């Protein structure tokens, strides 16, 4: 569960995530490097999809936690 423009919804998960954590480090050799060609396709967010999310959010009850 995440929020997008203030609307709670299910969406893609982040590459790295920590909840209520302190002093977190990512160590070791290598890189965290996303394939941006894939992300560019996902980030387009076609307008009909955004409109559908807004409509669902306004017409349906908020999601339970």
C-alpha atoms as a PDB file:
ATOM      1  CA  UNK A   1       0.000   0.000   0.000  1.00  0.00           C
ATOM      2  CA  UNK A   2       1.272   3.439  -0.903  1.00  0.00           C
ATOM      3  CA  UNK A   3      -0.147   6.819  -1.780  1.00  0.00           C
ATOM      4  CA  UNK A   4      -0.155   8.650  -5.077  1.00  0.00           C
ATOM      5  CA  UNK A   5      -1.228  12.292  -5.161  1.00  0.00           C
ATOM      6  CA  UNK A   6      -2.750  11.759  -1.716  1.00  0.00           C
ATOM      7  CA  UNK A   7      -4.806   8.697  -2.729  1.00  0.00           C
ATOM      8  CA  UNK A   8      -4.060   5.376  -1.059  1.00  0.00           C
ATOM      9  CA  UNK A   9      -3.549   2.617  -3.600  1.00  0.00           C
ATOM     10  CA  UNK A  10      -1.568  -0.504  -4.360  1.00  0.00           C
ATOM     11  CA  UNK A  11       1.434   0.333  -6.488  1.00  0.00           C
ATOM     12  CA  UNK A  12       4.949  -0.786  -7.302  1.00  0.00           C
ATOM     13  CA  UNK A  13       7.233  -1.481  -4.359  1.00  0.00           C
ATOM     14  CA  UNK A  14      10.468   0.449  -3.952  1.00  0.00           C
ATOM     15  CA  UNK A  15      13.779  -1.226  -4.714  1.00  0.00           C
ATOM     16  CA  UNK A  16      14.854  -0.676  -1.092  1.00  0.00           C
ATOM     17  CA  UNK A  17      12.418  -0.140   1.782  1.00  0.00           C
ATOM     18  CA  UNK A  18      12.735   0.249   5.555  1.00  0.00           C
ATOM     19  CA  UNK A  19       9.934   0.988   8.035  1.00  0.00           C
ATOM     20  CA  UNK A  20      10.590   2.531  11.443  1.00  0.00           C
ATOM     21  CA  UNK A  21      14.308   1.871  11.061  1.00  0.00           C
ATOM     22  CA  UNK A  22      17.317   3.894  12.127  1.00  0.00           C
ATOM     23  CA  UNK A  23      20.969   3.829  11.122  1.00  0.00           C
ATOM     24  CA  UNK A  24      20.432   1.640   8.073  1.00  0.00           C
ATOM     25  CA  UNK A  25      23.273   1.063   5.616  1.00  0.00           C
ATOM     26  CA  UNK A  26      23.663  -0.824   2.370  1.00  0.00           C
ATOM     27  CA  UNK A  27      27.220  -2.075   2.101  1.00  0.00           C
ATOM     28  CA  UNK A  28      29.323  -4.270  -0.120  1.00  0.00           C
ATOM     29  CA  UNK A  29      30.589  -4.334  -3.650  1.00  0.00           C
ATOM     30  CA  UNK A  30      28.310  -3.645  -6.557  1.00  0.00           C
ATOM     31  CA  UNK A  31      25.573  -1.186  -7.376  1.00  0.00           C
ATOM     32  CA  UNK A  32      21.830  -0.877  -7.024  1.00  0.00           C
ATOM     33  CA  UNK A  33      21.086   0.127 -10.569  1.00  0.00           C
ATOM     34  CA  UNK A  34      17.571  -0.112 -12.046  1.00  0.00           C
ATOM     35  CA  UNK A  35      16.984  -0.834 -15.704  1.00  0.00           C
ATOM     36  CA  UNK A  36      15.658   2.597 -16.688  1.00  0.00           C
ATOM     37  CA  UNK A  37      14.289   1.327 -20.009  1.00  0.00           C
ATOM     38  CA  UNK A  38      11.817  -0.778 -18.029  1.00  0.00           C
ATOM     39  CA  UNK A  39      10.987   2.028 -15.589  1.00  0.00           C
ATOM     40  CA  UNK A  40      10.320   4.515 -18.386  1.00  0.00           C
ATOM     41  CA  UNK A  41       7.483   2.296 -19.624  1.00  0.00           C
ATOM     42  CA  UNK A  42       5.998   1.947 -16.123  1.00  0.00           C
ATOM     43  CA  UNK A  43       6.284   5.656 -15.309  1.00  0.00           C
ATOM     44  CA  UNK A  44       4.241   6.806 -18.325  1.00  0.00           C
ATOM     45  CA  UNK A  45       1.010   6.474 -16.356  1.00  0.00           C
ATOM     46  CA  UNK A  46      -1.542   6.745 -19.159  1.00  0.00           C
ATOM     47  CA  UNK A  47      -4.239   9.357 -18.452  1.00  0.00           C
ATOM     48  CA  UNK A  48      -7.116   6.810 -18.590  1.00  0.00           C
ATOM     49  CA  UNK A  49      -5.402   4.816 -15.809  1.00  0.00           C
ATOM     50  CA  UNK A  50      -5.006   7.924 -13.665  1.00  0.00           C
ATOM     51  CA  UNK A  51      -8.617   8.923 -14.239  1.00  0.00           C
ATOM     52  CA  UNK A  52      -9.779   5.423 -13.261  1.00  0.00           C
ATOM     53  CA  UNK A  53      -7.789   5.595 -10.019  1.00  0.00           C
ATOM     54  CA  UNK A  54      -9.279   8.997  -9.178  1.00  0.00           C
ATOM     55  CA  UNK A  55     -12.796   7.747  -9.924  1.00  0.00           C
ATOM     56  CA  UNK A  56     -12.362   4.608  -7.815  1.00  0.00           C
ATOM     57  CA  UNK A  57     -10.946   6.646  -4.973  1.00  0.00           C
ATOM     58  CA  UNK A  58     -13.821   9.133  -4.931  1.00  0.00           C
ATOM     59  CA  UNK A  59     -16.641   6.588  -5.382  1.00  0.00           C
ATOM     60  CA  UNK A  60     -15.448   3.718  -3.186  1.00  0.00           C
ATOM     61  CA  UNK A  61     -14.742   3.668   0.510  1.00  0.00           C
ATOM     62  CA  UNK A  62     -11.121   4.142   1.577  1.00  0.00           C
ATOM     63  CA  UNK A  63      -8.959   1.048   1.745  1.00  0.00           C
ATOM     64  CA  UNK A  64      -8.672  -0.689   5.110  1.00  0.00           C
ATOM     65  CA  UNK A  65      -5.292  -0.977   6.753  1.00  0.00           C
END
